[in-house]
Amino acid sequence: PILGICNAGLVAMLNKLSDTCVVHLTPDTIALAVSATSNGGIQTCAELSRHALFRDYRIESRAENNRISFFAKLDNLNTALKSCCSHEAQHIQVKLTKKVNGAPTLTFEIDSGDGGMHGLQDVPLRIVQDMEELYQYTEPLYAEHIASLSVVLPHGDIRGMRNVIERMKSFSDYVLLTARDVAVGARSDGGGGGERTAMLQLQVEKDNLVTITTTYTKLERVHVAEPTQQHAGEPTPTGAPAAPQPLAAGTAGEQVAEAKVEIKKLSKCLQSVVSSDIKIHGGIFCIIPERAVVLKIFLPSPETGQESHIVFFFPVLL
């Protein structure tokens, strides 16, 4: 495979969160994941289109779905990518190889062209042998019928939120996130009407005396299927939980979802994104009451229809 662009920013970001990641190579995507146990309870997953990284890409594996999975030290991977980006390389070839002692290695071959510099960078790997090892790196799954509310944040708001959270940290250990789906120009009797928009509110309190609130308004809501209601006497599918209650309703009949998370965890993730100089196209905040807060950040992708993104899963305070 020929490396098309240097993408050290993503690995540098993950390196601020943990020291080890799992990498999945498939015919269409390159995925990286950091375990929640090594990142203060924050599950972090990233998925890149192969077109975002490689001009030419080939994978051959006897594993299911033609996938290769391995563990790598993020510091080693970050060092290799920085070395690739620091040279004026005409092309970089990345290979999965075995050393003389049989140890698996990810080898970066750097060629500057015109008979110039030719360098090698080796990253030691550990191939995944037991799929149970991947359990703590697997992206959490939530049933489709679980009530949630998702809002779209422009890239400028995501970067600016880092500064907001940094200021709030001195007031509280937790931040309450509230998303609302509201009607613009609704009637005073609460009867609704008008166009709908969304908002996201961040709030902290100190000693029940001081409250600081930051609100992002005129946001787009991500519309998903409404939670299904289970009728009396209707059997619950095997292994499935009972259908939850719908989202709470506000004073004007708007839908509301809220959850409280540790402010240091949210700050750590936002800081890692901003300080790693990653280009982002915006993101989605999804609040799943009493379960999780999910932040999905979209990365630039070629015009192939395949998106690249990073997802953070934050545990909530019950």
C-alpha atoms as a PDB file:
ATOM      1  CA  PRO A   1       0.000   0.000   0.000  1.00  0.00           C
ATOM      2  CA  ILE A   2       1.186   3.521  -0.815  1.00  0.00           C
ATOM      3  CA  LEU A   3       0.543   6.143   1.841  1.00  0.00           C
ATOM      4  CA  GLY A   4      -1.238   9.088   0.217  1.00  0.00           C
ATOM      5  CA  ILE A   5      -1.199  11.718   2.997  1.00  0.00           C
ATOM      6  CA  CYS A   6       0.431  12.147   6.375  1.00  0.00           C
ATOM      7  CA  ASN A   7      -2.237  11.741   9.035  1.00  0.00           C
ATOM      8  CA  ALA A   8      -0.167  11.877  12.179  1.00  0.00           C
ATOM      9  CA  GLY A   9      -2.670  14.193  13.894  1.00  0.00           C
ATOM     10  CA  LEU A  10      -5.178  11.431  14.610  1.00  0.00           C
ATOM     11  CA  VAL A  11      -2.572   9.110  16.128  1.00  0.00           C
ATOM     12  CA  ALA A  12      -1.118  12.016  18.138  1.00  0.00           C
ATOM     13  CA  MET A  13      -4.604  12.712  19.492  1.00  0.00           C
ATOM     14  CA  LEU A  14      -5.141   9.088  20.537  1.00  0.00           C
ATOM     15  CA  ASN A  15      -1.676   9.090  22.107  1.00  0.00           C
ATOM     16  CA  LYS A  16      -2.850  11.853  24.468  1.00  0.00           C
ATOM     17  CA  LEU A  17      -5.617   9.528  25.669  1.00  0.00           C
ATOM     18  CA  SER A  18      -3.852   6.175  25.990  1.00  0.00           C
ATOM     19  CA  ASP A  19      -0.595   4.325  25.307  1.00  0.00           C
ATOM     20  CA  THR A  20      -2.029   1.396  23.316  1.00  0.00           C
ATOM     21  CA  CYS A  21      -4.621   1.003  20.581  1.00  0.00           C
ATOM     22  CA  VAL A  22      -6.047  -1.770  18.477  1.00  0.00           C
ATOM     23  CA  VAL A  23      -5.956  -1.348  14.696  1.00  0.00           C
ATOM     24  CA  HIS A  24      -8.350  -3.074  12.309  1.00  0.00           C
ATOM     25  CA  LEU A  25      -7.459  -3.225   8.613  1.00  0.00           C
ATOM     26  CA  THR A  26     -10.286  -4.175   6.259  1.00  0.00           C
ATOM     27  CA  PRO A  27     -10.628  -3.822   2.476  1.00  0.00           C
ATOM     28  CA  ASP A  28     -12.491  -0.504   2.868  1.00  0.00           C
ATOM     29  CA  THR A  29     -11.524   1.055   6.205  1.00  0.00           C
ATOM     30  CA  ILE A  30      -8.763   1.545   8.740  1.00  0.00           C
ATOM     31  CA  ALA A  31     -10.116   1.651  12.295  1.00  0.00           C
ATOM     32  CA  LEU A  32      -8.370   2.457  15.578  1.00  0.00           C
ATOM     33  CA  ALA A  33      -9.789   2.082  19.069  1.00  0.00           C
ATOM     34  CA  VAL A  34      -8.714   2.949  22.605  1.00  0.00           C
ATOM     35  CA  SER A  35     -10.035   0.973  25.548  1.00  0.00           C
ATOM     36  CA  ALA A  36     -12.214   2.720  28.122  1.00  0.00           C
ATOM     37  CA  THR A  37     -10.199   1.063  30.907  1.00  0.00           C
ATOM     38  CA  SER A  38      -7.048   2.863  29.772  1.00  0.00           C
ATOM     39  CA  ASN A  39      -8.786   6.190  29.154  1.00  0.00           C
ATOM     40  CA  GLY A  40     -10.648   6.963  32.367  1.00  0.00           C
ATOM     41  CA  GLY A  41     -13.820   5.219  31.221  1.00  0.00           C
ATOM     42  CA  ILE A  42     -14.020   7.005  27.849  1.00  0.00           C
ATOM     43  CA  GLN A  43     -14.307   4.598  24.928  1.00  0.00           C
ATOM     44  CA  THR A  44     -12.724   6.135  21.819  1.00  0.00           C
ATOM     45  CA  CYS A  45     -13.011   4.796  18.275  1.00  0.00           C
ATOM     46  CA  ALA A  46     -11.863   6.216  14.956  1.00  0.00           C
ATOM     47  CA  GLU A  47     -12.649   4.993  11.468  1.00  0.00           C
ATOM     48  CA  LEU A  48     -10.979   6.237   8.292  1.00  0.00           C
ATOM     49  CA  SER A  49     -11.825   5.563   4.694  1.00  0.00           C
ATOM     50  CA  ARG A  50      -8.912   3.850   2.944  1.00  0.00           C
ATOM     51  CA  HIS A  51      -9.071   6.620   0.352  1.00  0.00           C
ATOM     52  CA  ALA A  52      -8.303   9.163   3.064  1.00  0.00           C
ATOM     53  CA  LEU A  53      -4.916   7.526   3.714  1.00  0.00           C
ATOM     54  CA  PHE A  54      -3.789   5.493   0.741  1.00  0.00           C
ATOM     55  CA  ARG A  55      -3.484   5.893  -3.007  1.00  0.00           C
ATOM     56  CA  ASP A  56      -3.104   2.156  -3.428  1.00  0.00           C
ATOM     57  CA  TYR A  57      -4.211  -0.341  -0.808  1.00  0.00           C
ATOM     58  CA  ARG A  58      -4.316  -4.132  -0.726  1.00  0.00           C
ATOM     59  CA  ILE A  59      -5.082  -6.469   2.151  1.00  0.00           C
ATOM     60  CA  GLU A  60      -5.034 -10.259   2.141  1.00  0.00           C
ATOM     61  CA  SER A  61      -6.033 -12.149   5.262  1.00  0.00           C
ATOM     62  CA  ARG A  62      -7.351 -15.601   6.072  1.00  0.00           C
ATOM     63  CA  ALA A  63      -9.414 -14.106   8.883  1.00  0.00           C
ATOM     64  CA  GLU A  64     -13.151 -13.533   8.687  1.00  0.00           C
ATOM     65  CA  ASN A  65     -14.165 -10.588   6.460  1.00  0.00           C
ATOM     66  CA  ASN A  66     -10.575 -10.328   5.197  1.00  0.00           C
ATOM     67  CA  ARG A  67      -9.564  -8.366   8.295  1.00  0.00           C
ATOM     68  CA  ILE A  68      -6.242  -7.968  10.081  1.00  0.00           C
ATOM     69  CA  SER A  69      -6.317  -6.797  13.705  1.00  0.00           C
ATOM     70  CA  PHE A  70      -3.306  -5.958  15.839  1.00  0.00           C
ATOM     71  CA  PHE A  71      -2.251  -4.011  18.931  1.00  0.00           C
ATOM     72  CA  ALA A  72       0.343  -1.232  18.690  1.00  0.00           C
ATOM     73  CA  LYS A  73       1.944   1.250  21.057  1.00  0.00           C
ATOM     74  CA  LEU A  74       0.647   4.668  20.069  1.00  0.00           C
ATOM     75  CA  ASP A  75       3.951   6.328  20.925  1.00  0.00           C
ATOM     76  CA  ASN A  76       5.795   4.083  18.425  1.00  0.00           C
ATOM     77  CA  LEU A  77       3.141   4.639  15.758  1.00  0.00           C
ATOM     78  CA  ASN A  78       3.174   8.383  16.353  1.00  0.00           C
ATOM     79  CA  THR A  79       6.978   8.528  16.093  1.00  0.00           C
ATOM     80  CA  ALA A  80       6.950   6.620  12.788  1.00  0.00           C
ATOM     81  CA  LEU A  81       4.290   8.894  11.278  1.00  0.00           C
ATOM     82  CA  LYS A  82       6.114  12.023  12.420  1.00  0.00           C
ATOM     83  CA  SER A  83       9.262  10.723  10.776  1.00  0.00           C
ATOM     84  CA  CYS A  84       7.355  10.140   7.542  1.00  0.00           C
ATOM     85  CA  CYS A  85       5.889  13.638   7.596  1.00  0.00           C
ATOM     86  CA  SER A  86       9.200  15.324   8.463  1.00  0.00           C
ATOM     87  CA  HIS A  87      10.882  14.155   5.260  1.00  0.00           C
ATOM     88  CA  GLU A  88      10.108  15.348   1.762  1.00  0.00           C
ATOM     89  CA  ALA A  89       9.024  11.890   0.712  1.00  0.00           C
ATOM     90  CA  GLN A  90       7.692  11.234  -2.761  1.00  0.00           C
ATOM     91  CA  HIS A  91       5.915   8.168  -1.515  1.00  0.00           C
ATOM     92  CA  ILE A  92       5.707   6.032   1.603  1.00  0.00           C
ATOM     93  CA  GLN A  93       5.040   2.329   1.503  1.00  0.00           C
ATOM     94  CA  VAL A  94       3.550   0.576   4.527  1.00  0.00           C
ATOM     95  CA  LYS A  95       3.880  -3.189   4.911  1.00  0.00           C
ATOM     96  CA  LEU A  96       3.013  -5.795   7.482  1.00  0.00           C
ATOM     97  CA  THR A  97       6.176  -7.863   7.762  1.00  0.00           C
ATOM     98  CA  LYS A  98       7.905 -10.384  10.001  1.00  0.00           C
ATOM     99  CA  LYS A  99      11.388  -9.899  11.359  1.00  0.00           C
ATOM    100  CA  VAL A 100      14.026 -12.629  11.421  1.00  0.00           C
ATOM    101  CA  ASN A 101      12.822 -13.677  14.862  1.00  0.00           C
ATOM    102  CA  GLY A 102       9.258 -13.947  13.561  1.00  0.00           C
ATOM    103  CA  ALA A 103       7.996 -10.822  15.362  1.00  0.00           C
ATOM    104  CA  PRO A 104       5.236  -9.009  13.390  1.00  0.00           C
ATOM    105  CA  THR A 105       6.102  -5.448  12.421  1.00  0.00           C
ATOM    106  CA  LEU A 106       4.498  -2.539  10.608  1.00  0.00           C
ATOM    107  CA  THR A 107       7.270  -1.227   8.369  1.00  0.00           C
ATOM    108  CA  PHE A 108       7.252   2.278   6.835  1.00  0.00           C
ATOM    109  CA  GLU A 109       9.517   2.608   3.786  1.00  0.00           C
ATOM    110  CA  ILE A 110      10.250   6.268   3.037  1.00  0.00           C
ATOM    111  CA  ASP A 111      11.461   7.176  -0.461  1.00  0.00           C
ATOM    112  CA  SER A 112      12.333  10.761  -1.382  1.00  0.00           C
ATOM    113  CA  GLY A 113      12.734   9.917  -5.069  1.00  0.00           C
ATOM    114  CA  ASP A 114      15.503  10.927  -7.522  1.00  0.00           C
ATOM    115  CA  GLY A 115      17.856   8.484  -5.868  1.00  0.00           C
ATOM    116  CA  GLY A 116      17.714  10.416  -2.616  1.00  0.00           C
ATOM    117  CA  MET A 117      17.002   9.417   0.957  1.00  0.00           C
ATOM    118  CA  HIS A 118      15.521   5.993   1.651  1.00  0.00           C
ATOM    119  CA  GLY A 119      14.569   5.212   5.223  1.00  0.00           C
ATOM    120  CA  LEU A 120      12.813   2.584   7.270  1.00  0.00           C
ATOM    121  CA  GLN A 121      10.676   2.882  10.394  1.00  0.00           C
ATOM    122  CA  ASP A 122       9.547  -0.274  12.204  1.00  0.00           C
ATOM    123  CA  VAL A 123       6.627  -0.419  14.621  1.00  0.00           C
ATOM    124  CA  PRO A 124       6.388  -3.636  16.697  1.00  0.00           C
ATOM    125  CA  LEU A 125       2.937  -5.228  16.735  1.00  0.00           C
ATOM    126  CA  ARG A 126       1.012  -7.931  18.509  1.00  0.00           C
ATOM    127  CA  ILE A 127      -1.480  -9.705  16.264  1.00  0.00           C
ATOM    128  CA  VAL A 128      -4.881 -10.347  17.823  1.00  0.00           C
ATOM    129  CA  GLN A 129      -5.234 -14.105  18.306  1.00  0.00           C
ATOM    130  CA  ASP A 130      -8.299 -14.276  20.542  1.00  0.00           C
ATOM    131  CA  MET A 131     -11.340 -12.191  19.580  1.00  0.00           C
ATOM    132  CA  GLU A 132     -12.291 -11.922  23.250  1.00  0.00           C
ATOM    133  CA  GLU A 133      -9.314  -9.573  23.616  1.00  0.00           C
ATOM    134  CA  LEU A 134     -11.228  -7.049  21.543  1.00  0.00           C
ATOM    135  CA  TYR A 135     -14.229  -6.861  23.854  1.00  0.00           C
ATOM    136  CA  GLN A 136     -12.993  -3.822  25.797  1.00  0.00           C
ATOM    137  CA  TYR A 137     -12.115  -2.063  22.512  1.00  0.00           C
ATOM    138  CA  THR A 138     -15.485  -2.677  20.866  1.00  0.00           C
ATOM    139  CA  GLU A 139     -17.731   0.297  20.211  1.00  0.00           C
ATOM    140  CA  PRO A 140     -20.732   0.262  22.593  1.00  0.00           C
ATOM    141  CA  LEU A 141     -24.056  -0.564  20.975  1.00  0.00           C
ATOM    142  CA  TYR A 142     -27.382   0.939  22.023  1.00  0.00           C
ATOM    143  CA  ALA A 143     -30.742  -0.436  20.956  1.00  0.00           C
ATOM    144  CA  GLU A 144     -32.501   1.616  18.304  1.00  0.00           C
ATOM    145  CA  HIS A 145     -35.593   2.033  20.479  1.00  0.00           C
ATOM    146  CA  ILE A 146     -33.679   3.788  23.273  1.00  0.00           C
ATOM    147  CA  ALA A 147     -34.693   7.446  23.546  1.00  0.00           C
ATOM    148  CA  SER A 148     -31.980   9.945  22.613  1.00  0.00           C
ATOM    149  CA  LEU A 149     -31.543  13.412  21.164  1.00  0.00           C
ATOM    150  CA  SER A 150     -28.723  14.379  18.800  1.00  0.00           C
ATOM    151  CA  VAL A 151     -27.699  17.869  17.666  1.00  0.00           C
ATOM    152  CA  VAL A 152     -25.179  18.985  15.048  1.00  0.00           C
ATOM    153  CA  LEU A 153     -22.348  21.305  16.112  1.00  0.00           C
ATOM    154  CA  PRO A 154     -20.287  23.269  13.535  1.00  0.00           C
ATOM    155  CA  HIS A 155     -16.506  22.781  13.758  1.00  0.00           C
ATOM    156  CA  GLY A 156     -16.039  26.277  15.218  1.00  0.00           C
ATOM    157  CA  ASP A 157     -18.360  25.497  18.129  1.00  0.00           C
ATOM    158  CA  ILE A 158     -16.513  22.251  18.890  1.00  0.00           C
ATOM    159  CA  ARG A 159     -13.167  24.047  19.046  1.00  0.00           C
ATOM    160  CA  GLY A 160     -14.658  26.893  21.077  1.00  0.00           C
ATOM    161  CA  MET A 161     -16.265  24.468  23.508  1.00  0.00           C
ATOM    162  CA  ARG A 162     -12.782  23.473  24.674  1.00  0.00           C
ATOM    163  CA  ASN A 163     -12.308  26.989  26.094  1.00  0.00           C
ATOM    164  CA  VAL A 164     -15.775  27.015  27.655  1.00  0.00           C
ATOM    165  CA  ILE A 165     -15.171  23.709  29.431  1.00  0.00           C
ATOM    166  CA  GLU A 166     -11.736  24.830  30.638  1.00  0.00           C
ATOM    167  CA  ARG A 167     -13.319  27.836  32.384  1.00  0.00           C
ATOM    168  CA  MET A 168     -16.097  25.715  33.877  1.00  0.00           C
ATOM    169  CA  LYS A 169     -13.626  23.214  35.387  1.00  0.00           C
ATOM    170  CA  SER A 170     -12.801  25.600  38.245  1.00  0.00           C
ATOM    171  CA  PHE A 171     -16.438  25.643  39.385  1.00  0.00           C
ATOM    172  CA  SER A 172     -17.497  21.995  39.357  1.00  0.00           C
ATOM    173  CA  ASP A 173     -16.397  18.426  38.753  1.00  0.00           C
ATOM    174  CA  TYR A 174     -19.454  17.730  36.615  1.00  0.00           C
ATOM    175  CA  VAL A 175     -21.221  19.434  33.733  1.00  0.00           C
ATOM    176  CA  LEU A 176     -24.898  18.983  32.885  1.00  0.00           C
ATOM    177  CA  LEU A 177     -25.554  18.719  29.153  1.00  0.00           C
ATOM    178  CA  THR A 178     -29.082  19.401  27.965  1.00  0.00           C
ATOM    179  CA  ALA A 179     -30.331  19.124  24.387  1.00  0.00           C
ATOM    180  CA  ARG A 180     -33.707  20.518  23.348  1.00  0.00           C
ATOM    181  CA  ASP A 181     -35.762  20.264  20.196  1.00  0.00           C
ATOM    182  CA  VAL A 182     -37.784  23.476  20.155  1.00  0.00           C
ATOM    183  CA  ALA A 183     -40.262  25.209  17.869  1.00  0.00           C
ATOM    184  CA  VAL A 184     -39.318  28.666  16.619  1.00  0.00           C
ATOM    185  CA  GLY A 185     -42.274  31.027  16.930  1.00  0.00           C
ATOM    186  CA  ALA A 186     -44.334  28.583  18.985  1.00  0.00           C
ATOM    187  CA  ARG A 187     -47.679  29.823  20.330  1.00  0.00           C
ATOM    188  CA  SER A 188     -47.715  31.168  23.864  1.00  0.00           C
ATOM    189  CA  ASP A 189     -50.227  28.475  24.900  1.00  0.00           C
ATOM    190  CA  GLY A 190     -47.601  25.805  24.214  1.00  0.00           C
ATOM    191  CA  GLY A 191     -49.445  24.570  21.138  1.00  0.00           C
ATOM    192  CA  GLY A 192     -46.295  24.368  19.007  1.00  0.00           C
ATOM    193  CA  GLY A 193     -46.123  25.600  15.458  1.00  0.00           C
ATOM    194  CA  GLY A 194     -43.406  27.281  13.490  1.00  0.00           C
ATOM    195  CA  GLU A 195     -40.088  25.862  12.329  1.00  0.00           C
ATOM    196  CA  ARG A 196     -38.163  23.536  14.594  1.00  0.00           C
ATOM    197  CA  THR A 197     -34.589  23.977  15.720  1.00  0.00           C
ATOM    198  CA  ALA A 198     -32.347  22.549  18.415  1.00  0.00           C
ATOM    199  CA  MET A 199     -30.126  23.838  21.174  1.00  0.00           C
ATOM    200  CA  LEU A 200     -27.401  22.463  23.434  1.00  0.00           C
ATOM    201  CA  GLN A 201     -26.807  23.800  26.934  1.00  0.00           C
ATOM    202  CA  LEU A 202     -23.804  23.277  29.225  1.00  0.00           C
ATOM    203  CA  GLN A 203     -24.307  24.091  32.902  1.00  0.00           C
ATOM    204  CA  VAL A 204     -22.203  23.895  36.065  1.00  0.00           C
ATOM    205  CA  GLU A 205     -23.010  24.802  39.668  1.00  0.00           C
ATOM    206  CA  LYS A 206     -20.803  25.708  42.617  1.00  0.00           C
ATOM    207  CA  ASP A 207     -22.032  25.185  46.173  1.00  0.00           C
ATOM    208  CA  ASN A 208     -25.625  25.731  45.004  1.00  0.00           C
ATOM    209  CA  LEU A 209     -24.807  29.456  44.888  1.00  0.00           C
ATOM    210  CA  VAL A 210     -23.309  30.089  41.455  1.00  0.00           C
ATOM    211  CA  THR A 211     -24.613  28.694  38.177  1.00  0.00           C
ATOM    212  CA  ILE A 212     -22.802  29.151  34.866  1.00  0.00           C
ATOM    213  CA  THR A 213     -24.592  28.290  31.633  1.00  0.00           C
ATOM    214  CA  THR A 214     -23.467  28.324  28.006  1.00  0.00           C
ATOM    215  CA  THR A 215     -26.060  27.731  25.296  1.00  0.00           C
ATOM    216  CA  TYR A 216     -25.574  26.875  21.624  1.00  0.00           C
ATOM    217  CA  THR A 217     -28.701  27.816  19.677  1.00  0.00           C
ATOM    218  CA  LYS A 218     -30.081  27.392  16.160  1.00  0.00           C
ATOM    219  CA  LEU A 219     -28.550  23.945  15.797  1.00  0.00           C
ATOM    220  CA  GLU A 220     -29.707  21.222  13.468  1.00  0.00           C
ATOM    221  CA  ARG A 221     -31.209  18.112  15.019  1.00  0.00           C
ATOM    222  CA  VAL A 222     -30.335  14.661  13.743  1.00  0.00           C
ATOM    223  CA  HIS A 223     -33.685  12.972  13.224  1.00  0.00           C
ATOM    224  CA  VAL A 224     -33.957   9.289  14.011  1.00  0.00           C
ATOM    225  CA  ALA A 225     -36.883   6.967  14.437  1.00  0.00           C
ATOM    226  CA  GLU A 226     -38.941   7.690  17.529  1.00  0.00           C
ATOM    227  CA  PRO A 227     -38.768   5.124  20.354  1.00  0.00           C
ATOM    228  CA  THR A 228     -41.319   2.386  19.881  1.00  0.00           C
ATOM    229  CA  GLN A 229     -43.884   1.862  22.607  1.00  0.00           C
ATOM    230  CA  GLN A 230     -44.537  -1.660  23.852  1.00  0.00           C
ATOM    231  CA  HIS A 231     -48.254  -2.364  24.251  1.00  0.00           C
ATOM    232  CA  ALA A 232     -49.674  -4.101  27.278  1.00  0.00           C
ATOM    233  CA  GLY A 233     -49.503  -7.852  26.932  1.00  0.00           C
ATOM    234  CA  GLU A 234     -47.056  -7.662  24.050  1.00  0.00           C
ATOM    235  CA  PRO A 235     -44.152 -10.063  24.643  1.00  0.00           C
ATOM    236  CA  THR A 236     -40.654  -8.641  24.961  1.00  0.00           C
ATOM    237  CA  PRO A 237     -38.195 -10.076  22.380  1.00  0.00           C
ATOM    238  CA  THR A 238     -35.774 -12.571  23.868  1.00  0.00           C
ATOM    239  CA  GLY A 239     -32.849 -10.761  25.465  1.00  0.00           C
ATOM    240  CA  ALA A 240     -34.316  -7.326  24.758  1.00  0.00           C
ATOM    241  CA  PRO A 241     -35.131  -4.830  27.537  1.00  0.00           C
ATOM    242  CA  ALA A 242     -38.593  -3.370  27.894  1.00  0.00           C
ATOM    243  CA  ALA A 243     -39.275  -0.303  25.767  1.00  0.00           C
ATOM    244  CA  PRO A 244     -38.169   2.876  27.584  1.00  0.00           C
ATOM    245  CA  GLN A 245     -40.203   5.971  28.214  1.00  0.00           C
ATOM    246  CA  PRO A 246     -40.025   8.715  25.523  1.00  0.00           C
ATOM    247  CA  LEU A 247     -37.865  11.792  26.005  1.00  0.00           C
ATOM    248  CA  ALA A 248     -38.974  14.266  28.654  1.00  0.00           C
ATOM    249  CA  ALA A 249     -41.142  17.188  27.550  1.00  0.00           C
ATOM    250  CA  GLY A 250     -40.288  20.805  28.367  1.00  0.00           C
ATOM    251  CA  THR A 251     -42.648  23.562  29.443  1.00  0.00           C
ATOM    252  CA  ALA A 252     -43.534  24.404  25.835  1.00  0.00           C
ATOM    253  CA  GLY A 253     -43.892  20.776  24.768  1.00  0.00           C
ATOM    254  CA  GLU A 254     -40.370  20.511  23.360  1.00  0.00           C
ATOM    255  CA  GLN A 255     -38.350  17.319  23.663  1.00  0.00           C
ATOM    256  CA  VAL A 256     -35.538  17.395  26.210  1.00  0.00           C
ATOM    257  CA  ALA A 257     -32.613  15.053  26.886  1.00  0.00           C
ATOM    258  CA  GLU A 258     -30.042  15.634  29.596  1.00  0.00           C
ATOM    259  CA  ALA A 259     -27.101  13.862  31.188  1.00  0.00           C
ATOM    260  CA  LYS A 260     -24.297  14.753  33.593  1.00  0.00           C
ATOM    261  CA  VAL A 261     -20.669  13.808  32.834  1.00  0.00           C
ATOM    262  CA  GLU A 262     -17.316  14.381  34.486  1.00  0.00           C
ATOM    263  CA  ILE A 263     -16.040  17.697  33.214  1.00  0.00           C
ATOM    264  CA  LYS A 264     -12.392  16.558  33.262  1.00  0.00           C
ATOM    265  CA  LYS A 265     -13.194  13.728  30.865  1.00  0.00           C
ATOM    266  CA  LEU A 266     -14.966  16.005  28.411  1.00  0.00           C
ATOM    267  CA  SER A 267     -12.134  18.524  28.712  1.00  0.00           C
ATOM    268  CA  LYS A 268      -9.488  15.858  28.088  1.00  0.00           C
ATOM    269  CA  CYS A 269     -11.092  14.721  24.841  1.00  0.00           C
ATOM    270  CA  LEU A 270     -11.765  18.215  23.492  1.00  0.00           C
ATOM    271  CA  GLN A 271      -8.219  19.245  24.388  1.00  0.00           C
ATOM    272  CA  SER A 272      -6.782  16.229  22.566  1.00  0.00           C
ATOM    273  CA  VAL A 273      -8.728  17.082  19.397  1.00  0.00           C
ATOM    274  CA  VAL A 274      -7.863  20.786  19.354  1.00  0.00           C
ATOM    275  CA  SER A 275      -4.192  20.481  20.365  1.00  0.00           C
ATOM    276  CA  SER A 276      -3.486  17.728  17.820  1.00  0.00           C
ATOM    277  CA  ASP A 277      -4.312  20.080  14.942  1.00  0.00           C
ATOM    278  CA  ILE A 278      -6.853  17.724  13.393  1.00  0.00           C
ATOM    279  CA  LYS A 279      -8.987  19.159  10.628  1.00  0.00           C
ATOM    280  CA  ILE A 280     -12.635  18.593  11.491  1.00  0.00           C
ATOM    281  CA  HIS A 281     -15.852  19.196   9.576  1.00  0.00           C
ATOM    282  CA  GLY A 282     -18.168  19.415  12.559  1.00  0.00           C
ATOM    283  CA  GLY A 283     -19.725  16.913  14.888  1.00  0.00           C
ATOM    284  CA  ILE A 284     -22.783  15.460  16.569  1.00  0.00           C
ATOM    285  CA  PHE A 285     -23.578  15.481  20.281  1.00  0.00           C
ATOM    286  CA  CYS A 286     -25.935  12.634  21.182  1.00  0.00           C
ATOM    287  CA  ILE A 287     -27.429  12.526  24.678  1.00  0.00           C
ATOM    288  CA  ILE A 288     -28.840   9.182  25.782  1.00  0.00           C
ATOM    289  CA  PRO A 289     -30.404   9.893  29.195  1.00  0.00           C
ATOM    290  CA  GLU A 290     -29.105   7.679  32.017  1.00  0.00           C
ATOM    291  CA  ARG A 291     -26.798   5.816  29.633  1.00  0.00           C
ATOM    292  CA  ALA A 292     -24.167   7.851  27.785  1.00  0.00           C
ATOM    293  CA  VAL A 293     -23.150  11.024  26.016  1.00  0.00           C
ATOM    294  CA  VAL A 294     -21.672  10.403  22.575  1.00  0.00           C
ATOM    295  CA  LEU A 295     -19.560  12.906  20.638  1.00  0.00           C
ATOM    296  CA  LYS A 296     -18.964  12.046  16.984  1.00  0.00           C
ATOM    297  CA  ILE A 297     -16.491  14.243  15.102  1.00  0.00           C
ATOM    298  CA  PHE A 298     -16.324  14.117  11.310  1.00  0.00           C
ATOM    299  CA  LEU A 299     -12.968  14.303   9.521  1.00  0.00           C
ATOM    300  CA  PRO A 300     -12.249  15.386   5.935  1.00  0.00           C
ATOM    301  CA  SER A 301     -12.875  12.559   3.472  1.00  0.00           C
ATOM    302  CA  PRO A 302     -12.351  12.191  -0.285  1.00  0.00           C
ATOM    303  CA  GLU A 303     -15.443  12.303  -2.481  1.00  0.00           C
ATOM    304  CA  THR A 304     -16.037   8.551  -2.254  1.00  0.00           C
ATOM    305  CA  GLY A 305     -19.160   8.396  -0.120  1.00  0.00           C
ATOM    306  CA  GLN A 306     -17.195   6.911   2.794  1.00  0.00           C
ATOM    307  CA  GLU A 307     -16.930   9.129   5.852  1.00  0.00           C
ATOM    308  CA  SER A 308     -14.077   9.292   8.349  1.00  0.00           C
ATOM    309  CA  HIS A 309     -14.812  10.059  11.989  1.00  0.00           C
ATOM    310  CA  ILE A 310     -13.840   9.833  15.659  1.00  0.00           C
ATOM    311  CA  VAL A 311     -16.357   8.830  18.341  1.00  0.00           C
ATOM    312  CA  PHE A 312     -16.078   9.404  22.105  1.00  0.00           C
ATOM    313  CA  PHE A 313     -18.409   7.560  24.505  1.00  0.00           C
ATOM    314  CA  PHE A 314     -18.714   9.283  27.905  1.00  0.00           C
ATOM    315  CA  PRO A 315     -20.210   7.501  30.924  1.00  0.00           C
ATOM    316  CA  VAL A 316     -22.876   9.515  32.722  1.00  0.00           C
ATOM    317  CA  LEU A 317     -23.544  10.193  36.384  1.00  0.00           C
ATOM    318  CA  LEU A 318     -26.767   8.491  37.453  1.00  0.00           C
END
